[in-house]
Amino acid sequence: MNIINFTPISALLGGIIIGFAVLLFFLFNGRLIGISGIASNFITQQDKRFDNFLFLIGLVLGPFVYKILSNKEIEIVISNSFVLLIIAGLLVGFGTRISGGCTSGHGISGISRFSLRSIIATITFILVGVITVLIKNYL
């Protein structure tokens, strides 16, 4: 059985940093953060394309900056087939289109605005994730 390390201080600090990033993004861009929306806008819209590009590059480079600053190794292990990962990614993309956003958009920006739609969407995301893990573990 795996022992889960409870780290309330780092979790609180991480939450504060994410909240502050959302606030800064809104103040400087007048938009809410949602990764699927930013990625979609980067592909489909010409205006603010550079802003969206910088945001997406920051998501990719962030772990490398963390690795350099913390001197910790980041280990990524892909335990399933690439085909299964591609199918899962397409399903996630389809789901974000249906729900009008992703977990970051609804879970961070939407809930902080007390959006009922975002609260329901986030609860749904979590429940489906829990059910998926339970089914996977029992099959």
N, C-alpha and C. Protein backbone atom coordinates (compact mmCIF):
# COMPACT_ATOMS: atom_id res chain seq x y z
N MET A 1 0.84 -1.18 0.00
CA MET A 1 0.00 0.00 0.00
C MET A 1 0.88 1.24 0.00
N ASN A 2 0.56 2.19 -0.87
CA ASN A 2 1.32 3.43 -0.94
C ASN A 2 0.93 4.37 0.19
N ILE A 3 1.92 4.99 0.77
CA ILE A 3 1.66 5.99 1.81
C ILE A 3 1.67 7.35 1.13
N ILE A 4 0.58 8.09 1.32
CA ILE A 4 0.47 9.41 0.72
C ILE A 4 1.01 10.43 1.70
N ASN A 5 1.95 11.24 1.24
CA ASN A 5 2.50 12.29 2.08
C ASN A 5 1.56 13.49 2.07
N PHE A 6 1.10 13.87 3.23
CA PHE A 6 0.23 15.03 3.37
C PHE A 6 1.10 16.26 3.54
N THR A 7 1.02 17.19 2.59
CA THR A 7 1.87 18.37 2.60
C THR A 7 1.02 19.63 2.54
N PRO A 8 0.41 20.01 3.66
CA PRO A 8 -0.51 21.15 3.62
C PRO A 8 0.17 22.48 3.30
N ILE A 9 1.40 22.67 3.74
CA ILE A 9 2.07 23.96 3.50
C ILE A 9 2.34 24.14 2.01
N SER A 10 2.94 23.13 1.37
CA SER A 10 3.23 23.27 -0.07
C SER A 10 1.95 23.31 -0.88
N ALA A 11 0.91 22.59 -0.46
CA ALA A 11 -0.37 22.65 -1.16
C ALA A 11 -0.99 24.04 -1.05
N LEU A 12 -0.93 24.62 0.13
CA LEU A 12 -1.46 25.98 0.34
C LEU A 12 -0.67 26.99 -0.48
N LEU A 13 0.65 26.89 -0.45
CA LEU A 13 1.48 27.82 -1.23
C LEU A 13 1.22 27.67 -2.73
N GLY A 14 1.08 26.43 -3.19
CA GLY A 14 0.77 26.20 -4.60
C GLY A 14 -0.57 26.80 -4.98
N GLY A 15 -1.57 26.63 -4.12
CA GLY A 15 -2.88 27.21 -4.38
C GLY A 15 -2.84 28.73 -4.41
N ILE A 16 -2.08 29.33 -3.52
CA ILE A 16 -1.94 30.79 -3.50
C ILE A 16 -1.26 31.27 -4.78
N ILE A 17 -0.22 30.57 -5.21
CA ILE A 17 0.49 30.96 -6.43
C ILE A 17 -0.43 30.84 -7.65
N ILE A 18 -1.19 29.75 -7.73
CA ILE A 18 -2.13 29.58 -8.85
C ILE A 18 -3.18 30.68 -8.82
N GLY A 19 -3.74 30.96 -7.65
CA GLY A 19 -4.73 32.03 -7.53
C GLY A 19 -4.17 33.38 -7.93
N PHE A 20 -2.94 33.65 -7.51
CA PHE A 20 -2.30 34.92 -7.86
C PHE A 20 -2.05 35.01 -9.37
N ALA A 21 -1.66 33.89 -9.98
CA ALA A 21 -1.44 33.85 -11.42
C ALA A 21 -2.73 34.13 -12.18
N VAL A 22 -3.84 33.55 -11.71
CA VAL A 22 -5.15 33.79 -12.33
C VAL A 22 -5.51 35.27 -12.23
N LEU A 23 -5.30 35.84 -11.06
CA LEU A 23 -5.60 37.27 -10.85
C LEU A 23 -4.75 38.15 -11.77
N LEU A 24 -3.45 37.88 -11.83
CA LEU A 24 -2.56 38.66 -12.70
C LEU A 24 -2.95 38.53 -14.17
N PHE A 25 -3.25 37.31 -14.58
CA PHE A 25 -3.64 37.08 -15.97
C PHE A 25 -4.90 37.88 -16.30
N PHE A 26 -5.86 37.88 -15.38
CA PHE A 26 -7.09 38.64 -15.61
C PHE A 26 -6.83 40.14 -15.63
N LEU A 27 -6.03 40.63 -14.69
CA LEU A 27 -5.76 42.06 -14.63
C LEU A 27 -5.03 42.57 -15.87
N PHE A 28 -4.07 41.77 -16.38
CA PHE A 28 -3.27 42.22 -17.52
C PHE A 28 -3.90 41.90 -18.87
N ASN A 29 -4.77 40.88 -18.92
CA ASN A 29 -5.34 40.47 -20.21
C ASN A 29 -6.85 40.62 -20.30
N GLY A 30 -7.51 40.81 -19.17
CA GLY A 30 -8.96 40.92 -19.18
C GLY A 30 -9.66 39.61 -19.50
N ARG A 31 -8.94 38.50 -19.37
CA ARG A 31 -9.49 37.18 -19.67
C ARG A 31 -9.23 36.24 -18.50
N LEU A 32 -10.04 35.21 -18.42
CA LEU A 32 -9.85 34.19 -17.40
C LEU A 32 -8.94 33.09 -17.94
N ILE A 33 -8.28 32.41 -17.03
CA ILE A 33 -7.39 31.32 -17.43
C ILE A 33 -8.18 30.04 -17.59
N GLY A 34 -8.00 29.42 -18.72
CA GLY A 34 -8.51 28.10 -19.02
C GLY A 34 -7.62 27.55 -20.11
N ILE A 35 -6.91 26.50 -19.83
CA ILE A 35 -5.88 26.03 -20.76
C ILE A 35 -6.49 25.58 -22.08
N SER A 36 -7.62 24.89 -22.05
CA SER A 36 -8.22 24.45 -23.31
C SER A 36 -8.66 25.65 -24.14
N GLY A 37 -9.20 26.68 -23.51
CA GLY A 37 -9.60 27.88 -24.24
C GLY A 37 -8.42 28.62 -24.83
N ILE A 38 -7.34 28.72 -24.07
CA ILE A 38 -6.14 29.39 -24.56
C ILE A 38 -5.53 28.60 -25.72
N ALA A 39 -5.47 27.28 -25.58
CA ALA A 39 -4.93 26.45 -26.67
C ALA A 39 -5.81 26.56 -27.92
N SER A 40 -7.11 26.54 -27.74
CA SER A 40 -8.03 26.66 -28.87
C SER A 40 -7.91 28.03 -29.53
N ASN A 41 -7.84 29.08 -28.72
CA ASN A 41 -7.69 30.43 -29.28
C ASN A 41 -6.36 30.58 -30.01
N PHE A 42 -5.33 29.94 -29.52
CA PHE A 42 -4.03 30.01 -30.19
C PHE A 42 -4.13 29.42 -31.60
N ILE A 43 -4.87 28.34 -31.73
CA ILE A 43 -4.98 27.67 -33.02
C ILE A 43 -5.95 28.40 -33.96
N THR A 44 -7.05 28.91 -33.42
CA THR A 44 -8.13 29.41 -34.28
C THR A 44 -8.19 30.93 -34.45
N GLN A 45 -7.63 31.70 -33.54
CA GLN A 45 -7.78 33.16 -33.61
C GLN A 45 -6.45 33.84 -33.85
N GLN A 46 -6.50 34.94 -34.56
CA GLN A 46 -5.29 35.69 -34.86
C GLN A 46 -4.97 36.70 -33.76
N ASP A 47 -6.01 37.31 -33.15
CA ASP A 47 -5.75 38.32 -32.11
C ASP A 47 -5.27 37.65 -30.83
N LYS A 48 -4.35 38.27 -30.18
CA LYS A 48 -3.75 37.79 -28.93
C LYS A 48 -3.07 36.43 -29.10
N ARG A 49 -2.71 36.08 -30.32
CA ARG A 49 -2.06 34.80 -30.57
C ARG A 49 -0.72 34.71 -29.83
N PHE A 50 0.04 35.82 -29.82
CA PHE A 50 1.34 35.81 -29.15
C PHE A 50 1.17 35.61 -27.65
N ASP A 51 0.15 36.25 -27.04
CA ASP A 51 -0.12 36.06 -25.61
C ASP A 51 -0.42 34.60 -25.30
N ASN A 52 -1.27 34.00 -26.14
CA ASN A 52 -1.61 32.59 -25.96
C ASN A 52 -0.39 31.70 -26.13
N PHE A 53 0.46 32.04 -27.11
CA PHE A 53 1.69 31.28 -27.34
C PHE A 53 2.60 31.34 -26.11
N LEU A 54 2.77 32.54 -25.55
CA LEU A 54 3.62 32.68 -24.36
C LEU A 54 3.07 31.87 -23.19
N PHE A 55 1.77 31.88 -23.01
CA PHE A 55 1.16 31.10 -21.93
C PHE A 55 1.44 29.61 -22.12
N LEU A 56 1.24 29.11 -23.34
CA LEU A 56 1.45 27.69 -23.61
C LEU A 56 2.92 27.31 -23.48
N ILE A 57 3.82 28.17 -23.92
CA ILE A 57 5.26 27.91 -23.77
C ILE A 57 5.62 27.87 -22.29
N GLY A 58 5.01 28.75 -21.50
CA GLY A 58 5.24 28.75 -20.05
C GLY A 58 4.83 27.44 -19.41
N LEU A 59 3.74 26.84 -19.90
CA LEU A 59 3.31 25.54 -19.38
C LEU A 59 4.34 24.45 -19.67
N VAL A 60 4.94 24.53 -20.85
CA VAL A 60 5.92 23.52 -21.24
C VAL A 60 7.25 23.74 -20.53
N LEU A 61 7.68 25.00 -20.43
CA LEU A 61 8.98 25.30 -19.83
C LEU A 61 8.96 25.30 -18.31
N GLY A 62 7.81 25.46 -17.70
CA GLY A 62 7.69 25.53 -16.25
C GLY A 62 8.38 24.40 -15.50
N PRO A 63 8.14 23.14 -15.88
CA PRO A 63 8.82 22.05 -15.18
C PRO A 63 10.34 22.09 -15.30
N PHE A 64 10.84 22.55 -16.45
CA PHE A 64 12.28 22.64 -16.62
C PHE A 64 12.88 23.74 -15.74
N VAL A 65 12.18 24.85 -15.63
CA VAL A 65 12.63 25.93 -14.74
C VAL A 65 12.62 25.43 -13.30
N TYR A 66 11.55 24.70 -12.93
CA TYR A 66 11.47 24.13 -11.58
C TYR A 66 12.65 23.19 -11.32
N LYS A 67 12.95 22.35 -12.32
CA LYS A 67 14.05 21.40 -12.18
C LYS A 67 15.37 22.13 -11.95
N ILE A 68 15.60 23.20 -12.69
CA ILE A 68 16.84 23.96 -12.56
C ILE A 68 16.91 24.65 -11.20
N LEU A 69 15.80 25.28 -10.79
CA LEU A 69 15.80 26.04 -9.53
C LEU A 69 15.82 25.15 -8.29
N SER A 70 15.17 23.98 -8.38
CA SER A 70 15.07 23.12 -7.20
C SER A 70 16.14 22.04 -7.15
N ASN A 71 16.80 21.80 -8.28
CA ASN A 71 17.80 20.74 -8.37
C ASN A 71 17.20 19.36 -8.14
N LYS A 72 15.92 19.19 -8.45
CA LYS A 72 15.24 17.90 -8.30
C LYS A 72 15.00 17.29 -9.67
N GLU A 73 15.10 15.99 -9.73
CA GLU A 73 14.86 15.27 -10.98
C GLU A 73 13.35 15.12 -11.19
N ILE A 74 12.91 15.34 -12.40
CA ILE A 74 11.50 15.15 -12.75
C ILE A 74 11.42 13.88 -13.57
N GLU A 75 10.77 12.88 -13.01
CA GLU A 75 10.67 11.59 -13.68
C GLU A 75 9.29 11.43 -14.28
N ILE A 76 9.24 11.22 -15.58
CA ILE A 76 7.97 11.00 -16.28
C ILE A 76 7.99 9.58 -16.83
N VAL A 77 6.99 8.81 -16.44
CA VAL A 77 6.89 7.42 -16.89
C VAL A 77 5.56 7.25 -17.61
N ILE A 78 5.61 6.80 -18.84
CA ILE A 78 4.39 6.52 -19.59
C ILE A 78 4.14 5.02 -19.47
N SER A 79 3.06 4.67 -18.76
CA SER A 79 2.81 3.27 -18.45
C SER A 79 1.81 2.61 -19.40
N ASN A 80 1.24 3.38 -20.31
CA ASN A 80 0.30 2.82 -21.27
C ASN A 80 0.80 3.06 -22.68
N SER A 81 0.09 2.52 -23.63
CA SER A 81 0.50 2.68 -25.03
C SER A 81 0.23 4.10 -25.50
N PHE A 82 1.01 4.54 -26.47
CA PHE A 82 0.81 5.87 -27.05
C PHE A 82 -0.54 5.98 -27.73
N VAL A 83 -1.01 4.88 -28.32
CA VAL A 83 -2.32 4.89 -28.99
C VAL A 83 -3.42 5.17 -27.96
N LEU A 84 -3.33 4.52 -26.81
CA LEU A 84 -4.32 4.75 -25.76
C LEU A 84 -4.24 6.19 -25.25
N LEU A 85 -3.04 6.73 -25.14
CA LEU A 85 -2.88 8.12 -24.71
C LEU A 85 -3.46 9.09 -25.72
N ILE A 86 -3.30 8.82 -27.00
CA ILE A 86 -3.86 9.68 -28.05
C ILE A 86 -5.38 9.63 -28.01
N ILE A 87 -5.95 8.44 -27.87
CA ILE A 87 -7.40 8.30 -27.78
C ILE A 87 -7.92 9.04 -26.54
N ALA A 88 -7.24 8.87 -25.42
CA ALA A 88 -7.65 9.57 -24.19
C ALA A 88 -7.57 11.08 -24.37
N GLY A 89 -6.51 11.56 -25.01
CA GLY A 89 -6.36 13.00 -25.25
C GLY A 89 -7.48 13.54 -26.12
N LEU A 90 -7.85 12.78 -27.16
CA LEU A 90 -8.96 13.21 -28.02
C LEU A 90 -10.28 13.24 -27.25
N LEU A 91 -10.50 12.25 -26.40
CA LEU A 91 -11.71 12.24 -25.58
C LEU A 91 -11.75 13.43 -24.61
N VAL A 92 -10.60 13.75 -24.02
CA VAL A 92 -10.53 14.91 -23.13
C VAL A 92 -10.82 16.18 -23.91
N GLY A 93 -10.24 16.31 -25.10
CA GLY A 93 -10.50 17.48 -25.94
C GLY A 93 -11.96 17.59 -26.31
N PHE A 94 -12.58 16.48 -26.67
CA PHE A 94 -14.01 16.47 -27.00
C PHE A 94 -14.84 16.85 -25.77
N GLY A 95 -14.47 16.32 -24.62
CA GLY A 95 -15.19 16.64 -23.38
C GLY A 95 -15.08 18.10 -22.99
N THR A 96 -13.91 18.70 -23.21
CA THR A 96 -13.77 20.12 -22.86
C THR A 96 -14.60 20.99 -23.78
N ARG A 97 -14.76 20.58 -25.03
CA ARG A 97 -15.63 21.32 -25.95
C ARG A 97 -17.09 21.22 -25.51
N ILE A 98 -17.52 20.03 -25.13
CA ILE A 98 -18.91 19.83 -24.71
C ILE A 98 -19.21 20.62 -23.43
N SER A 99 -18.27 20.61 -22.49
CA SER A 99 -18.51 21.26 -21.19
C SER A 99 -18.16 22.73 -21.18
N GLY A 100 -17.69 23.25 -22.30
CA GLY A 100 -17.36 24.68 -22.37
C GLY A 100 -16.12 25.05 -21.59
N GLY A 101 -15.20 24.13 -21.41
CA GLY A 101 -13.95 24.42 -20.71
C GLY A 101 -13.38 23.20 -20.05
N CYS A 102 -12.20 23.38 -19.48
CA CYS A 102 -11.48 22.27 -18.85
C CYS A 102 -11.43 22.46 -17.34
N THR A 103 -10.74 21.58 -16.68
CA THR A 103 -10.67 21.65 -15.21
C THR A 103 -10.02 22.93 -14.74
N SER A 104 -9.04 23.43 -15.47
CA SER A 104 -8.40 24.67 -15.04
C SER A 104 -9.34 25.86 -15.21
N GLY A 105 -10.07 25.90 -16.32
CA GLY A 105 -11.00 27.00 -16.53
C GLY A 105 -12.16 26.98 -15.55
N HIS A 106 -12.82 25.83 -15.47
CA HIS A 106 -13.97 25.71 -14.56
C HIS A 106 -13.52 25.65 -13.11
N GLY A 107 -12.50 24.83 -12.84
CA GLY A 107 -12.10 24.59 -11.46
C GLY A 107 -11.42 25.76 -10.79
N ILE A 108 -10.66 26.53 -11.53
CA ILE A 108 -9.95 27.65 -10.92
C ILE A 108 -10.69 28.96 -11.17
N SER A 109 -10.88 29.29 -12.43
CA SER A 109 -11.50 30.59 -12.75
C SER A 109 -13.01 30.59 -12.49
N GLY A 110 -13.68 29.51 -12.85
CA GLY A 110 -15.13 29.46 -12.70
C GLY A 110 -15.61 29.39 -11.26
N ILE A 111 -15.01 28.50 -10.48
CA ILE A 111 -15.43 28.37 -9.08
C ILE A 111 -15.12 29.63 -8.30
N SER A 112 -14.00 30.29 -8.62
CA SER A 112 -13.65 31.52 -7.89
C SER A 112 -14.65 32.64 -8.17
N ARG A 113 -15.40 32.53 -9.29
CA ARG A 113 -16.44 33.51 -9.59
C ARG A 113 -17.81 33.01 -9.13
N PHE A 114 -17.85 31.87 -8.44
CA PHE A 114 -19.08 31.25 -7.95
C PHE A 114 -20.04 30.91 -9.10
N SER A 115 -19.48 30.50 -10.22
CA SER A 115 -20.29 30.11 -11.37
C SER A 115 -20.88 28.73 -11.12
N LEU A 116 -22.22 28.66 -11.09
CA LEU A 116 -22.89 27.38 -10.84
C LEU A 116 -22.53 26.36 -11.91
N ARG A 117 -22.47 26.81 -13.16
CA ARG A 117 -22.09 25.92 -14.26
C ARG A 117 -20.71 25.33 -14.04
N SER A 118 -19.75 26.16 -13.58
CA SER A 118 -18.39 25.68 -13.34
C SER A 118 -18.32 24.75 -12.13
N ILE A 119 -19.11 25.05 -11.11
CA ILE A 119 -19.14 24.17 -9.93
C ILE A 119 -19.66 22.79 -10.32
N ILE A 120 -20.76 22.76 -11.08
CA ILE A 120 -21.33 21.48 -11.53
C ILE A 120 -20.35 20.76 -12.45
N ALA A 121 -19.71 21.48 -13.37
CA ALA A 121 -18.75 20.86 -14.29
C ALA A 121 -17.58 20.27 -13.51
N THR A 122 -17.05 21.00 -12.53
CA THR A 122 -15.90 20.50 -11.76
C THR A 122 -16.28 19.27 -10.94
N ILE A 123 -17.44 19.30 -10.33
CA ILE A 123 -17.91 18.12 -9.59
C ILE A 123 -18.03 16.92 -10.54
N THR A 124 -18.57 17.17 -11.73
CA THR A 124 -18.71 16.10 -12.73
C THR A 124 -17.35 15.56 -13.14
N PHE A 125 -16.37 16.46 -13.39
CA PHE A 125 -15.02 16.01 -13.75
C PHE A 125 -14.45 15.09 -12.68
N ILE A 126 -14.59 15.51 -11.43
CA ILE A 126 -14.02 14.74 -10.33
C ILE A 126 -14.71 13.39 -10.18
N LEU A 127 -16.04 13.39 -10.24
CA LEU A 127 -16.78 12.13 -10.10
C LEU A 127 -16.44 11.16 -11.23
N VAL A 128 -16.38 11.64 -12.45
CA VAL A 128 -16.04 10.76 -13.58
C VAL A 128 -14.61 10.23 -13.42
N GLY A 129 -13.70 11.08 -12.95
CA GLY A 129 -12.33 10.63 -12.71
C GLY A 129 -12.27 9.53 -11.65
N VAL A 130 -13.00 9.71 -10.56
CA VAL A 130 -13.04 8.70 -9.49
C VAL A 130 -13.63 7.40 -10.01
N ILE A 131 -14.74 7.49 -10.74
CA ILE A 131 -15.38 6.30 -11.29
C ILE A 131 -14.45 5.60 -12.28
N THR A 132 -13.75 6.36 -13.11
CA THR A 132 -12.82 5.77 -14.07
C THR A 132 -11.70 5.02 -13.38
N VAL A 133 -11.14 5.61 -12.32
CA VAL A 133 -10.07 4.93 -11.57
C VAL A 133 -10.61 3.67 -10.91
N LEU A 134 -11.80 3.74 -10.32
CA LEU A 134 -12.38 2.55 -9.69
C LEU A 134 -12.60 1.45 -10.71
N ILE A 135 -13.15 1.78 -11.86
CA ILE A 135 -13.38 0.76 -12.90
C ILE A 135 -12.05 0.18 -13.36
N LYS A 136 -11.06 1.05 -13.61
CA LYS A 136 -9.74 0.58 -14.07
C LYS A 136 -9.10 -0.34 -13.03
N ASN A 137 -9.22 0.00 -11.76
CA ASN A 137 -8.58 -0.82 -10.72
C ASN A 137 -9.29 -2.15 -10.49
N TYR A 138 -10.56 -2.24 -10.82
CA TYR A 138 -11.29 -3.47 -10.58
C TYR A 138 -11.39 -4.36 -11.81
N LEU A 139 -10.95 -3.87 -12.97
CA LEU A 139 -11.02 -4.69 -14.19
C LEU A 139 -9.67 -5.27 -14.53
